[in-house]
Amino acid sequence: MKDTILAEILSLKESSILELQKKYSELFDGKKASSNNKTYLWQKIAYRIQELEYGGLPEEAKNKTKELAREYDPINNKALRPDAAIKHHISRDKRLPIPGTLITKNYKGADIRVKILEKDFEYNDKVYKTLTAIAKEVTGSHWNGYLFFNL
């Protein structure tokens, strides 16, 4: 990356949200920024600066990534998930990732790792029926499991 582009991107990291929103509008043809999140804006602007300097992804690459996501990404492509549930006669909450996925959360400095099983959840080599039960085990008080694990 050219030093001037890198310097511009790094200097933007220290900008205020208003300055980032103004820069966003300049780079995205007058469009208003859709977020007030400083990190998000900085990342979008940094990508756009590099895209303008070096060129973006070719259309072929964009189409291929969309095709792969449609075909192979059952976590984000919810259309794939109900079919799998019907085949296995299991009614699963659509907020849950596919079985085998690890959910991680840092709680009071401790890393919590929960493995999604077909019907249950595994935490610390013990099987639980609900995420709420795990949240209660971790915190000592009642939490909605989906909220605790940001699902």
C-alpha atoms as a PDB file:
ATOM      1  CA  MET A   1       0.000   0.000   0.000  1.00  0.00           C
ATOM      2  CA  LYS A   2       1.306   3.423  -0.840  1.00  0.00           C
ATOM      3  CA  ASP A   3       2.521   5.385   2.161  1.00  0.00           C
ATOM      4  CA  THR A   4       0.194   8.331   1.451  1.00  0.00           C
ATOM      5  CA  ILE A   5      -2.907   6.143   1.375  1.00  0.00           C
ATOM      6  CA  LEU A   6      -1.854   4.312   4.516  1.00  0.00           C
ATOM      7  CA  ALA A   7      -1.167   7.634   6.247  1.00  0.00           C
ATOM      8  CA  GLU A   8      -4.583   8.979   5.185  1.00  0.00           C
ATOM      9  CA  ILE A   9      -6.364   5.881   6.480  1.00  0.00           C
ATOM     10  CA  LEU A  10      -4.487   5.923   9.775  1.00  0.00           C
ATOM     11  CA  SER A  11      -5.116   9.645  10.281  1.00  0.00           C
ATOM     12  CA  LEU A  12      -8.844   9.069   9.785  1.00  0.00           C
ATOM     13  CA  LYS A  13      -8.814   6.664  12.719  1.00  0.00           C
ATOM     14  CA  GLU A  14      -8.404   9.658  15.053  1.00  0.00           C
ATOM     15  CA  SER A  15     -11.230  11.632  13.408  1.00  0.00           C
ATOM     16  CA  SER A  16     -14.493  12.446  15.122  1.00  0.00           C
ATOM     17  CA  ILE A  17     -17.739  10.792  14.066  1.00  0.00           C
ATOM     18  CA  LEU A  18     -18.853  14.020  12.353  1.00  0.00           C
ATOM     19  CA  GLU A  19     -15.608  14.180  10.369  1.00  0.00           C
ATOM     20  CA  LEU A  20     -15.976  10.519   9.386  1.00  0.00           C
ATOM     21  CA  GLN A  21     -19.581  11.074   8.304  1.00  0.00           C
ATOM     22  CA  LYS A  22     -18.474  14.010   6.153  1.00  0.00           C
ATOM     23  CA  LYS A  23     -15.674  11.948   4.588  1.00  0.00           C
ATOM     24  CA  TYR A  24     -18.114   9.086   4.001  1.00  0.00           C
ATOM     25  CA  SER A  25     -20.453  11.442   2.171  1.00  0.00           C
ATOM     26  CA  GLU A  26     -17.562  12.676  -0.003  1.00  0.00           C
ATOM     27  CA  LEU A  27     -16.426   9.157  -0.920  1.00  0.00           C
ATOM     28  CA  PHE A  28     -19.876   7.660  -1.460  1.00  0.00           C
ATOM     29  CA  ASP A  29     -21.325  10.264  -3.846  1.00  0.00           C
ATOM     30  CA  GLY A  30     -23.136  12.364  -1.242  1.00  0.00           C
ATOM     31  CA  LYS A  31     -24.821   9.436   0.517  1.00  0.00           C
ATOM     32  CA  LYS A  32     -25.442   9.875   4.224  1.00  0.00           C
ATOM     33  CA  ALA A  33     -23.623   7.402   6.470  1.00  0.00           C
ATOM     34  CA  SER A  34     -25.972   4.680   7.679  1.00  0.00           C
ATOM     35  CA  SER A  35     -24.233   4.377  11.035  1.00  0.00           C
ATOM     36  CA  ASN A  36     -22.887   6.424  13.922  1.00  0.00           C
ATOM     37  CA  ASN A  37     -20.415   3.683  14.825  1.00  0.00           C
ATOM     38  CA  LYS A  38     -16.930   5.164  14.567  1.00  0.00           C
ATOM     39  CA  THR A  39     -15.116   1.880  13.880  1.00  0.00           C
ATOM     40  CA  TYR A  40     -17.628   0.839  11.239  1.00  0.00           C
ATOM     41  CA  LEU A  41     -17.379   4.188   9.445  1.00  0.00           C
ATOM     42  CA  TRP A  42     -13.592   4.145   9.554  1.00  0.00           C
ATOM     43  CA  GLN A  43     -13.492   0.632   8.067  1.00  0.00           C
ATOM     44  CA  LYS A  44     -15.971   1.501   5.297  1.00  0.00           C
ATOM     45  CA  ILE A  45     -14.020   4.654   4.432  1.00  0.00           C
ATOM     46  CA  ALA A  46     -10.672   2.822   4.500  1.00  0.00           C
ATOM     47  CA  TYR A  47     -12.016   0.151   2.144  1.00  0.00           C
ATOM     48  CA  ARG A  48     -13.476   2.795  -0.187  1.00  0.00           C
ATOM     49  CA  ILE A  49     -10.193   4.739  -0.333  1.00  0.00           C
ATOM     50  CA  GLN A  50      -8.333   1.563  -1.280  1.00  0.00           C
ATOM     51  CA  GLU A  51     -11.057   0.591  -3.737  1.00  0.00           C
ATOM     52  CA  LEU A  52     -10.785   3.935  -5.514  1.00  0.00           C
ATOM     53  CA  GLU A  53      -6.988   3.730  -5.617  1.00  0.00           C
ATOM     54  CA  TYR A  54      -6.509   0.077  -6.544  1.00  0.00           C
ATOM     55  CA  GLY A  55      -9.872  -0.929  -7.970  1.00  0.00           C
ATOM     56  CA  GLY A  56     -12.575  -3.044  -6.383  1.00  0.00           C
ATOM     57  CA  LEU A  57     -13.370  -6.698  -6.733  1.00  0.00           C
ATOM     58  CA  PRO A  58     -14.131  -7.784 -10.284  1.00  0.00           C
ATOM     59  CA  GLU A  59     -17.802  -8.510 -10.982  1.00  0.00           C
ATOM     60  CA  GLU A  60     -16.938 -12.177 -11.516  1.00  0.00           C
ATOM     61  CA  ALA A  61     -15.494 -12.435  -7.974  1.00  0.00           C
ATOM     62  CA  LYS A  62     -18.524 -10.667  -6.477  1.00  0.00           C
ATOM     63  CA  ASN A  63     -20.898 -13.028  -8.241  1.00  0.00           C
ATOM     64  CA  LYS A  64     -18.893 -16.074  -7.177  1.00  0.00           C
ATOM     65  CA  THR A  65     -18.938 -15.053  -3.488  1.00  0.00           C
ATOM     66  CA  LYS A  66     -22.710 -14.525  -3.628  1.00  0.00           C
ATOM     67  CA  GLU A  67     -23.141 -17.913  -5.284  1.00  0.00           C
ATOM     68  CA  LEU A  68     -20.970 -19.644  -2.663  1.00  0.00           C
ATOM     69  CA  ALA A  69     -22.818 -17.935   0.190  1.00  0.00           C
ATOM     70  CA  ARG A  70     -26.173 -18.973  -1.256  1.00  0.00           C
ATOM     71  CA  GLU A  71     -25.037 -22.560  -1.639  1.00  0.00           C
ATOM     72  CA  TYR A  72     -22.801 -23.253   1.360  1.00  0.00           C
ATOM     73  CA  ASP A  73     -23.536 -20.811   4.181  1.00  0.00           C
ATOM     74  CA  PRO A  74     -26.365 -22.279   6.268  1.00  0.00           C
ATOM     75  CA  ILE A  75     -25.691 -19.958   9.206  1.00  0.00           C
ATOM     76  CA  ASN A  76     -26.410 -16.764   7.304  1.00  0.00           C
ATOM     77  CA  ASN A  77     -28.604 -18.314   4.620  1.00  0.00           C
ATOM     78  CA  LYS A  78     -31.668 -19.253   6.645  1.00  0.00           C
ATOM     79  CA  ALA A  79     -33.362 -20.679   3.563  1.00  0.00           C
ATOM     80  CA  LEU A  80     -31.038 -23.690   3.838  1.00  0.00           C
ATOM     81  CA  ARG A  81     -31.807 -24.368   7.484  1.00  0.00           C
ATOM     82  CA  PRO A  82     -35.502 -25.333   7.464  1.00  0.00           C
ATOM     83  CA  ASP A  83     -34.861 -28.077   4.878  1.00  0.00           C
ATOM     84  CA  ALA A  84     -32.230 -29.630   7.140  1.00  0.00           C
ATOM     85  CA  ALA A  85     -34.657 -29.486  10.066  1.00  0.00           C
ATOM     86  CA  ILE A  86     -37.399 -31.192   8.063  1.00  0.00           C
ATOM     87  CA  LYS A  87     -35.041 -33.957   6.918  1.00  0.00           C
ATOM     88  CA  HIS A  88     -34.062 -34.671  10.519  1.00  0.00           C
ATOM     89  CA  HIS A  89     -37.578 -34.120  11.945  1.00  0.00           C
ATOM     90  CA  ILE A  90     -36.166 -31.561  14.338  1.00  0.00           C
ATOM     91  CA  SER A  91     -37.733 -28.225  15.076  1.00  0.00           C
ATOM     92  CA  ARG A  92     -34.834 -25.881  15.721  1.00  0.00           C
ATOM     93  CA  ASP A  93     -34.915 -22.235  16.610  1.00  0.00           C
ATOM     94  CA  LYS A  94     -33.714 -20.279  13.579  1.00  0.00           C
ATOM     95  CA  ARG A  95     -31.610 -18.021  15.802  1.00  0.00           C
ATOM     96  CA  LEU A  96     -29.301 -20.940  16.529  1.00  0.00           C
ATOM     97  CA  PRO A  97     -26.302 -21.668  14.336  1.00  0.00           C
ATOM     98  CA  ILE A  98     -25.955 -25.151  12.867  1.00  0.00           C
ATOM     99  CA  PRO A  99     -24.902 -28.044  15.136  1.00  0.00           C
ATOM    100  CA  GLY A 100     -21.164 -28.157  15.728  1.00  0.00           C
ATOM    101  CA  THR A 101     -20.816 -24.372  15.885  1.00  0.00           C
ATOM    102  CA  LEU A 102     -18.997 -22.887  18.870  1.00  0.00           C
ATOM    103  CA  ILE A 103     -20.498 -19.815  20.500  1.00  0.00           C
ATOM    104  CA  THR A 104     -17.950 -17.780  22.430  1.00  0.00           C
ATOM    105  CA  LYS A 105     -18.493 -14.992  24.913  1.00  0.00           C
ATOM    106  CA  ASN A 106     -16.167 -13.190  27.256  1.00  0.00           C
ATOM    107  CA  TYR A 107     -17.849 -12.756  30.615  1.00  0.00           C
ATOM    108  CA  LYS A 108     -16.003 -10.984  33.441  1.00  0.00           C
ATOM    109  CA  GLY A 109     -12.636 -11.893  31.907  1.00  0.00           C
ATOM    110  CA  ALA A 110     -13.499 -15.571  31.388  1.00  0.00           C
ATOM    111  CA  ASP A 111     -14.009 -17.043  27.933  1.00  0.00           C
ATOM    112  CA  ILE A 112     -17.264 -18.994  27.732  1.00  0.00           C
ATOM    113  CA  ARG A 113     -17.394 -21.596  24.926  1.00  0.00           C
ATOM    114  CA  VAL A 114     -20.646 -23.376  24.128  1.00  0.00           C
ATOM    115  CA  LYS A 115     -20.940 -26.032  21.445  1.00  0.00           C
ATOM    116  CA  ILE A 116     -24.257 -26.261  19.629  1.00  0.00           C
ATOM    117  CA  LEU A 117     -25.452 -29.875  19.522  1.00  0.00           C
ATOM    118  CA  GLU A 118     -28.359 -31.295  17.519  1.00  0.00           C
ATOM    119  CA  LYS A 119     -30.892 -30.842  20.355  1.00  0.00           C
ATOM    120  CA  ASP A 120     -28.786 -29.559  23.279  1.00  0.00           C
ATOM    121  CA  PHE A 121     -25.767 -27.441  24.186  1.00  0.00           C
ATOM    122  CA  GLU A 122     -22.407 -28.458  25.617  1.00  0.00           C
ATOM    123  CA  TYR A 123     -20.543 -26.300  28.095  1.00  0.00           C
ATOM    124  CA  ASN A 124     -17.556 -27.452  30.210  1.00  0.00           C
ATOM    125  CA  ASP A 125     -18.084 -31.081  29.123  1.00  0.00           C
ATOM    126  CA  LYS A 126     -21.653 -31.010  30.444  1.00  0.00           C
ATOM    127  CA  VAL A 127     -24.818 -31.096  28.314  1.00  0.00           C
ATOM    128  CA  TYR A 128     -27.554 -28.509  28.916  1.00  0.00           C
ATOM    129  CA  LYS A 129     -31.053 -28.357  27.427  1.00  0.00           C
ATOM    130  CA  THR A 130     -31.082 -24.555  27.046  1.00  0.00           C
ATOM    131  CA  LEU A 131     -28.760 -21.606  26.641  1.00  0.00           C
ATOM    132  CA  THR A 132     -30.599 -20.006  29.560  1.00  0.00           C
ATOM    133  CA  ALA A 133     -29.404 -22.814  31.832  1.00  0.00           C
ATOM    134  CA  ILE A 134     -25.821 -22.160  30.758  1.00  0.00           C
ATOM    135  CA  ALA A 135     -26.212 -18.402  31.277  1.00  0.00           C
ATOM    136  CA  LYS A 136     -27.543 -19.074  34.791  1.00  0.00           C
ATOM    137  CA  GLU A 137     -24.629 -21.453  35.494  1.00  0.00           C
ATOM    138  CA  VAL A 138     -22.121 -18.809  34.363  1.00  0.00           C
ATOM    139  CA  THR A 139     -23.662 -15.734  35.990  1.00  0.00           C
ATOM    140  CA  GLY A 140     -25.497 -17.179  38.959  1.00  0.00           C
ATOM    141  CA  SER A 141     -28.650 -15.276  38.008  1.00  0.00           C
ATOM    142  CA  HIS A 142     -31.415 -15.707  35.455  1.00  0.00           C
ATOM    143  CA  TRP A 143     -30.605 -14.497  31.940  1.00  0.00           C
ATOM    144  CA  ASN A 144     -32.339 -15.113  28.654  1.00  0.00           C
ATOM    145  CA  GLY A 145     -29.830 -17.389  26.912  1.00  0.00           C
ATOM    146  CA  TYR A 146     -30.278 -15.817  23.483  1.00  0.00           C
ATOM    147  CA  LEU A 147     -29.681 -12.334  24.870  1.00  0.00           C
ATOM    148  CA  PHE A 148     -26.716 -13.443  26.969  1.00  0.00           C
ATOM    149  CA  PHE A 149     -25.012 -15.011  23.939  1.00  0.00           C
ATOM    150  CA  ASN A 150     -26.131 -12.209  21.562  1.00  0.00           C
ATOM    151  CA  LEU A 151     -28.108 -14.475  19.246  1.00  0.00           C
END
